[in-house]
Amino acid sequence: MPEGLIVKALSGYYYVHNFEGGPLVQCRGRGIFKKRGESPLVGDRVVYSETENGEGTVEEILPRQSELIRPQIANADLAVLVFSVIRPELNFILLDKFLVHTEHALMDAVIVLTKMDRIPDGEEGEAIRRTVEEARNLYSSIGYQVILTSAHDGEGLDELRTALAGHINMLAGQSGVGKSSLVNALVPGLKLETNEISVKLGRGKHTTRHVELVSIPGGGGYMADTPGFSQLDFGELGIDEIASCFREFRELPSSCKFRGCSHTHEPHCAVLQAKEQGLIAESRYNNYVSFMTEWKEIKRRY
């Protein structure tokens, strides 16, 4: 039986893209899934059978590498975190918050900085370029790929396509950063109005009721048509998990003196020592402390 990828689920049907190519096959799921309490998801790699009327039946769900709850999608393995360099300005706190949730979901991330063509001349432009260079140096040193782009000029798009190839990618970012223009540039055949894409991908109120994977030409990757992480609070994380979501912290806690070290005040804390030695960026550490405070406030309310 053929194998394929579920790229859309709607009204009880699963639309499967055959790995060998060809049109989508509209499938129903086997009744055994419901009895087992299972449900095929967009992003699932499946085995399916074909029926005489050109439709099919999902027979088996192949093992998942990951499963997200919000948005509900299987096997997403790369988060595309989109931030503009101007209007809205680059927000390091929000970027670190997205990265924490990406790490918690066991996904890798690529950081995409947009609107490079809109940087003005003069002192304002010079300040923006310094901030961009600071961000690229900081996050590259931690291990994240940082891509500078302009959907208008095409800057960075080939590099981005290469980064997305072979992955199920999830787009995330705040309103107005240019996610819609970026998707239009990557998938020119999509033929959706910018404002329609922006609503579907998280700019303003999200109205799409289903998750869909859009094929990215020239690389073999897929973009998940979702609003990204629909919640960015820390209520679902344990307090010890926040530190583990900072990549540069991970190798250090084993040498902390106290088990369960919060890395905020304890003596002989490896993270605090690394910060004092300049091995951990001040901005990253300060954002970590801020997230810990936010976590405590959430737990206090509930």
Protein backbone atom coordinates (compact mmCIF):
# COMPACT_ATOMS: atom_id res chain seq x y z
CA MET A 1 0.00 0.00 0.00
CA PRO A 2 1.22 3.54 -0.72
CA GLU A 3 2.53 5.94 1.91
CA GLY A 4 1.92 9.65 2.10
CA LEU A 5 1.63 12.78 4.21
CA ILE A 6 -1.62 14.25 5.54
CA VAL A 7 -1.52 17.88 4.43
CA LYS A 8 -5.09 18.84 5.38
CA ALA A 9 -7.86 17.50 7.61
CA LEU A 10 -11.38 18.82 7.14
CA SER A 11 -14.88 17.56 7.94
CA GLY A 12 -13.78 14.02 8.63
CA TYR A 13 -11.61 13.74 5.54
CA TYR A 14 -7.83 13.53 5.39
CA TYR A 15 -6.08 14.81 2.29
CA VAL A 16 -2.95 12.76 1.64
CA HIS A 17 -0.02 13.73 -0.55
CA ASN A 18 1.63 10.61 -1.95
CA PHE A 19 5.40 10.60 -1.42
CA GLU A 20 5.79 9.55 -5.06
CA GLY A 21 3.84 12.58 -6.29
CA GLY A 22 0.44 12.99 -7.95
CA PRO A 23 -2.81 14.65 -6.85
CA LEU A 24 -4.04 14.66 -3.27
CA VAL A 25 -6.06 11.62 -2.24
CA GLN A 26 -9.17 12.29 -0.15
CA CYS A 27 -9.28 9.65 2.58
CA ARG A 28 -11.41 8.55 5.50
CA GLY A 29 -9.82 7.12 8.62
CA ARG A 30 -10.37 3.52 9.69
CA GLY A 31 -12.90 2.98 12.46
CA ILE A 32 -10.22 1.26 14.55
CA PHE A 33 -8.59 4.65 15.18
CA LYS A 34 -11.65 5.88 17.08
CA LYS A 35 -11.81 2.68 19.13
CA ARG A 36 -8.17 3.14 20.10
CA GLY A 37 -8.70 6.79 20.98
CA GLU A 38 -6.37 7.80 18.14
CA SER A 39 -6.86 10.43 15.50
CA PRO A 40 -4.80 11.12 12.37
CA LEU A 41 -3.34 14.62 12.36
CA VAL A 42 -2.06 16.99 9.73
CA GLY A 43 1.64 16.18 9.41
CA ASP A 44 1.15 12.46 10.00
CA ARG A 45 2.97 10.08 7.71
CA VAL A 46 0.47 7.36 6.91
CA VAL A 47 -0.15 4.17 4.98
CA TYR A 48 -3.36 4.32 2.98
CA SER A 49 -5.37 2.18 0.58
CA GLU A 50 -7.12 3.42 -2.52
CA THR A 51 -10.77 2.74 -3.31
CA GLU A 52 -12.46 2.33 -6.67
CA ASN A 53 -13.94 5.82 -6.67
CA GLY A 54 -10.52 7.45 -6.47
CA GLU A 55 -10.69 8.10 -2.74
CA GLY A 56 -8.88 6.21 -0.02
CA THR A 57 -8.68 4.99 3.56
CA VAL A 58 -5.98 5.80 6.08
CA GLU A 59 -4.90 2.35 7.25
CA GLU A 60 -1.95 3.10 9.55
CA ILE A 61 -0.36 6.09 11.24
CA LEU A 62 3.41 5.80 11.10
CA PRO A 63 5.37 6.66 14.28
CA ARG A 64 5.37 10.37 15.11
CA GLN A 65 8.49 12.37 15.88
CA SER A 66 6.46 15.01 17.69
CA GLU A 67 2.92 16.16 18.41
CA LEU A 68 1.80 19.67 19.23
CA ILE A 69 -1.51 20.42 20.93
CA ARG A 70 -1.88 24.09 19.99
CA PRO A 71 -1.74 24.10 17.01
CA GLN A 72 -2.64 20.42 16.62
CA ILE A 73 -0.06 19.09 14.20
CA ALA A 74 2.25 16.07 14.02
CA ASN A 75 5.91 15.91 13.06
CA ALA A 76 6.49 19.67 12.89
CA ASP A 77 10.21 19.92 13.46
CA LEU A 78 11.24 23.49 12.63
CA ALA A 79 9.81 26.76 13.92
CA VAL A 80 10.29 29.76 11.65
CA LEU A 81 10.35 32.70 14.04
CA VAL A 82 9.72 35.87 12.07
CA PHE A 83 10.71 39.25 13.49
CA SER A 84 10.97 42.56 11.67
CA VAL A 85 13.89 44.93 12.12
CA ILE A 86 11.65 48.00 11.90
CA ARG A 87 7.98 48.78 12.64
CA PRO A 88 7.60 46.79 14.80
CA GLU A 89 11.14 46.97 16.13
CA LEU A 90 13.06 43.83 17.02
CA ASN A 91 11.83 42.60 20.40
CA PHE A 92 14.43 40.43 22.17
CA ILE A 93 12.08 39.55 25.06
CA LEU A 94 9.42 38.21 22.73
CA LEU A 95 12.03 36.41 20.64
CA ASP A 96 13.37 34.63 23.72
CA LYS A 97 9.83 33.74 24.75
CA PHE A 98 9.20 32.14 21.35
CA LEU A 99 12.49 30.28 21.63
CA VAL A 100 11.58 28.88 25.05
CA HIS A 101 8.31 27.49 23.69
CA THR A 102 10.08 26.14 20.61
CA GLU A 103 12.64 24.32 22.76
CA HIS A 104 9.90 23.00 25.04
CA ALA A 105 8.16 21.55 21.97
CA LEU A 106 11.46 19.80 21.07
CA MET A 107 11.66 21.73 17.80
CA ASP A 108 14.61 23.45 16.21
CA ALA A 109 14.22 27.09 15.20
CA VAL A 110 15.41 29.41 12.48
CA ILE A 111 15.21 33.14 13.20
CA VAL A 112 14.11 35.22 10.22
CA LEU A 113 14.59 38.99 10.36
CA THR A 114 12.43 40.79 7.79
CA LYS A 115 12.14 44.25 6.19
CA MET A 116 15.87 44.71 5.68
CA ASP A 117 15.05 46.90 2.66
CA ARG A 118 13.14 49.34 4.86
CA ILE A 119 16.07 50.35 7.05
CA PRO A 120 16.39 54.12 6.57
CA ASP A 121 19.57 56.10 6.05
CA GLY A 122 21.12 58.21 8.77
CA GLU A 123 21.47 57.66 12.50
CA GLU A 124 18.22 55.70 12.86
CA GLY A 125 19.35 53.24 10.20
CA GLU A 126 22.79 52.86 11.75
CA ALA A 127 21.22 52.07 15.13
CA ILE A 128 18.94 49.47 13.55
CA ARG A 129 21.86 47.83 11.75
CA ARG A 130 23.81 47.63 15.01
CA THR A 131 20.82 45.93 16.66
CA VAL A 132 20.50 43.49 13.76
CA GLU A 133 24.20 42.63 13.95
CA GLU A 134 23.94 42.19 17.73
CA ALA A 135 21.01 39.81 17.27
CA ARG A 136 22.75 37.83 14.54
CA ASN A 137 25.94 37.46 16.56
CA LEU A 138 24.13 36.57 19.79
CA TYR A 139 21.74 33.95 18.48
CA SER A 140 24.22 32.45 16.02
CA SER A 141 26.62 31.92 18.93
CA ILE A 142 23.90 29.99 20.77
CA GLY A 143 23.34 27.74 17.77
CA TYR A 144 20.37 29.24 15.94
CA GLN A 145 20.46 30.05 12.25
CA VAL A 146 19.66 33.72 11.66
CA ILE A 147 18.56 34.79 8.17
CA LEU A 148 18.21 38.43 7.09
CA THR A 149 15.45 38.84 4.50
CA SER A 150 13.54 41.25 2.33
CA ALA A 151 10.42 39.87 0.67
CA HIS A 152 10.44 42.94 -1.60
CA ASP A 153 14.04 42.58 -2.83
CA GLY A 154 14.32 38.80 -2.50
CA GLU A 155 17.20 39.07 -0.03
CA GLY A 156 17.78 35.87 1.95
CA LEU A 157 14.97 33.89 0.30
CA ASP A 158 17.24 31.26 -1.27
CA GLU A 159 18.97 30.77 2.07
CA LEU A 160 15.57 30.44 3.75
CA ARG A 161 14.31 27.89 1.21
CA THR A 162 17.42 25.82 1.86
CA ALA A 163 16.82 26.00 5.62
CA LEU A 164 13.18 24.90 5.22
CA ALA A 165 13.87 22.02 2.82
CA GLY A 166 12.86 18.62 4.13
CA HIS A 167 11.06 20.01 7.19
CA ILE A 168 7.51 20.54 8.32
CA ASN A 169 7.85 24.19 9.27
CA MET A 170 5.66 26.21 11.59
CA LEU A 171 5.55 29.98 11.11
CA ALA A 172 5.29 32.19 14.18
CA GLY A 173 5.71 35.86 14.95
CA GLN A 174 3.91 38.94 16.18
CA SER A 175 1.50 41.03 14.13
CA GLY A 176 2.89 43.21 11.36
CA VAL A 177 6.34 41.64 10.97
CA GLY A 178 5.78 40.61 7.36
CA LYS A 179 4.89 36.92 7.66
CA SER A 180 2.35 37.25 4.86
CA SER A 181 4.76 38.90 2.43
CA LEU A 182 7.35 36.27 3.29
CA VAL A 183 4.98 33.40 2.49
CA ASN A 184 3.89 35.09 -0.75
CA ALA A 185 7.54 35.39 -1.77
CA LEU A 186 8.28 31.75 -0.88
CA VAL A 187 5.11 30.34 -2.46
CA PRO A 188 4.20 32.71 -5.30
CA GLY A 189 1.64 30.28 -6.70
CA LEU A 190 -0.46 30.45 -3.55
CA LYS A 191 -2.38 33.41 -5.04
CA LEU A 192 -3.87 34.61 -1.80
CA GLU A 193 -4.23 38.24 -0.89
CA THR A 194 -1.69 39.46 1.65
CA ASN A 195 -4.31 40.35 4.22
CA GLU A 196 -5.95 36.92 3.81
CA ILE A 197 -2.66 35.14 4.46
CA SER A 198 -1.86 37.45 7.33
CA VAL A 199 -5.09 36.56 9.08
CA LYS A 200 -4.52 32.86 8.45
CA LEU A 201 -0.96 32.97 9.67
CA GLY A 202 -1.54 34.95 12.81
CA ARG A 203 -1.83 38.63 11.93
CA GLY A 204 -4.99 39.76 13.67
CA LYS A 205 -7.74 37.34 14.64
CA HIS A 206 -7.13 33.80 13.46
CA THR A 207 -10.14 32.55 11.50
CA THR A 208 -8.86 29.33 9.92
CA ARG A 209 -10.54 26.31 11.49
CA HIS A 210 -8.15 23.72 10.14
CA VAL A 211 -4.44 23.25 9.85
CA GLU A 212 -3.01 22.87 6.37
CA LEU A 213 0.47 22.19 5.00
CA VAL A 214 1.55 24.29 2.02
CA SER A 215 4.30 22.87 -0.19
CA ILE A 216 7.30 25.18 -0.61
CA PRO A 217 8.61 25.14 -4.19
CA GLY A 218 12.25 24.35 -4.83
CA GLY A 219 13.06 22.58 -1.58
CA GLY A 220 10.62 19.87 -0.65
CA GLY A 221 9.59 21.45 2.64
CA TYR A 222 6.11 22.27 3.95
CA MET A 223 4.83 25.35 5.75
CA ALA A 224 2.08 24.78 8.31
CA ASP A 225 -0.75 27.24 7.77
CA THR A 226 -1.33 27.94 11.47
CA PRO A 227 -1.01 30.90 13.84
CA GLY A 228 2.10 29.32 15.36
CA PHE A 229 2.09 28.96 19.13
CA SER A 230 -1.38 30.08 20.18
CA GLN A 231 -0.30 30.56 23.80
CA LEU A 232 2.91 32.10 25.04
CA ASP A 233 2.50 31.92 28.79
CA PHE A 234 4.47 29.54 30.95
CA GLY A 235 1.59 27.80 32.68
CA GLU A 236 2.31 24.44 31.04
CA LEU A 237 6.02 24.46 31.86
CA GLY A 238 7.53 23.25 35.09
CA ILE A 239 9.76 25.81 36.76
CA ASP A 240 12.83 23.66 36.10
CA GLU A 241 11.90 23.35 32.41
CA ILE A 242 12.36 27.05 31.68
CA ALA A 243 16.10 26.88 32.28
CA SER A 244 16.42 23.77 30.10
CA CYS A 245 14.84 25.74 27.25
CA PHE A 246 17.82 28.11 27.21
CA ARG A 247 20.39 26.25 25.11
CA GLU A 248 23.41 27.88 26.67
CA PHE A 249 22.22 26.88 30.17
CA ARG A 250 21.87 23.18 29.43
CA GLU A 251 25.47 22.09 29.81
CA LEU A 252 25.95 24.06 33.01
CA PRO A 253 23.40 23.01 35.67
CA SER A 254 25.08 19.65 36.26
CA SER A 255 27.88 21.57 37.94
CA CYS A 256 25.58 23.66 40.16
CA LYS A 257 26.11 22.93 43.83
CA PHE A 258 22.41 22.47 44.69
CA ARG A 259 19.92 20.17 43.01
CA GLY A 260 16.98 22.13 41.62
CA CYS A 261 19.06 25.31 41.41
CA SER A 262 16.92 28.19 40.11
CA HIS A 263 20.00 30.02 38.78
CA THR A 264 18.89 33.26 40.40
CA HIS A 265 20.58 33.51 43.81
CA GLU A 266 22.15 30.20 44.87
CA PRO A 267 25.87 30.05 45.73
CA HIS A 268 28.16 28.14 43.36
CA CYS A 269 25.59 28.35 40.55
CA ALA A 270 27.19 27.47 37.22
CA VAL A 271 24.79 29.69 35.26
CA LEU A 272 25.48 32.74 37.43
CA GLN A 273 29.20 32.11 37.18
CA ALA A 274 28.95 31.80 33.38
CA LYS A 275 27.05 35.08 33.23
CA GLU A 276 29.73 36.83 35.30
CA GLN A 277 32.38 35.44 32.94
CA GLY A 278 30.51 36.77 29.90
CA LEU A 279 29.68 33.30 28.60
CA ILE A 280 25.94 33.99 28.86
CA ALA A 281 24.52 37.22 27.43
CA GLU A 282 23.12 39.66 29.98
CA SER A 283 19.94 40.10 27.91
CA ARG A 284 19.29 36.36 27.77
CA TYR A 285 19.83 35.93 31.50
CA ASN A 286 17.60 38.92 32.35
CA ASN A 287 14.83 37.51 30.16
CA TYR A 288 15.21 34.15 31.91
CA VAL A 289 14.69 35.83 35.29
CA SER A 290 11.67 37.68 33.89
CA PHE A 291 10.14 34.42 32.63
CA MET A 292 10.68 32.77 36.01
CA THR A 293 8.85 35.66 37.67
CA GLU A 294 6.00 35.35 35.18
CA TRP A 295 5.76 31.60 35.89
CA LYS A 296 5.49 32.26 39.63
CA GLU A 297 2.75 34.84 39.08
CA ILE A 298 0.75 32.40 36.98
CA LYS A 299 1.00 29.70 39.65
CA ARG A 300 0.06 32.21 42.36
CA ARG A 301 -3.14 33.17 40.48
CA TYR A 302 -4.20 29.55 40.12
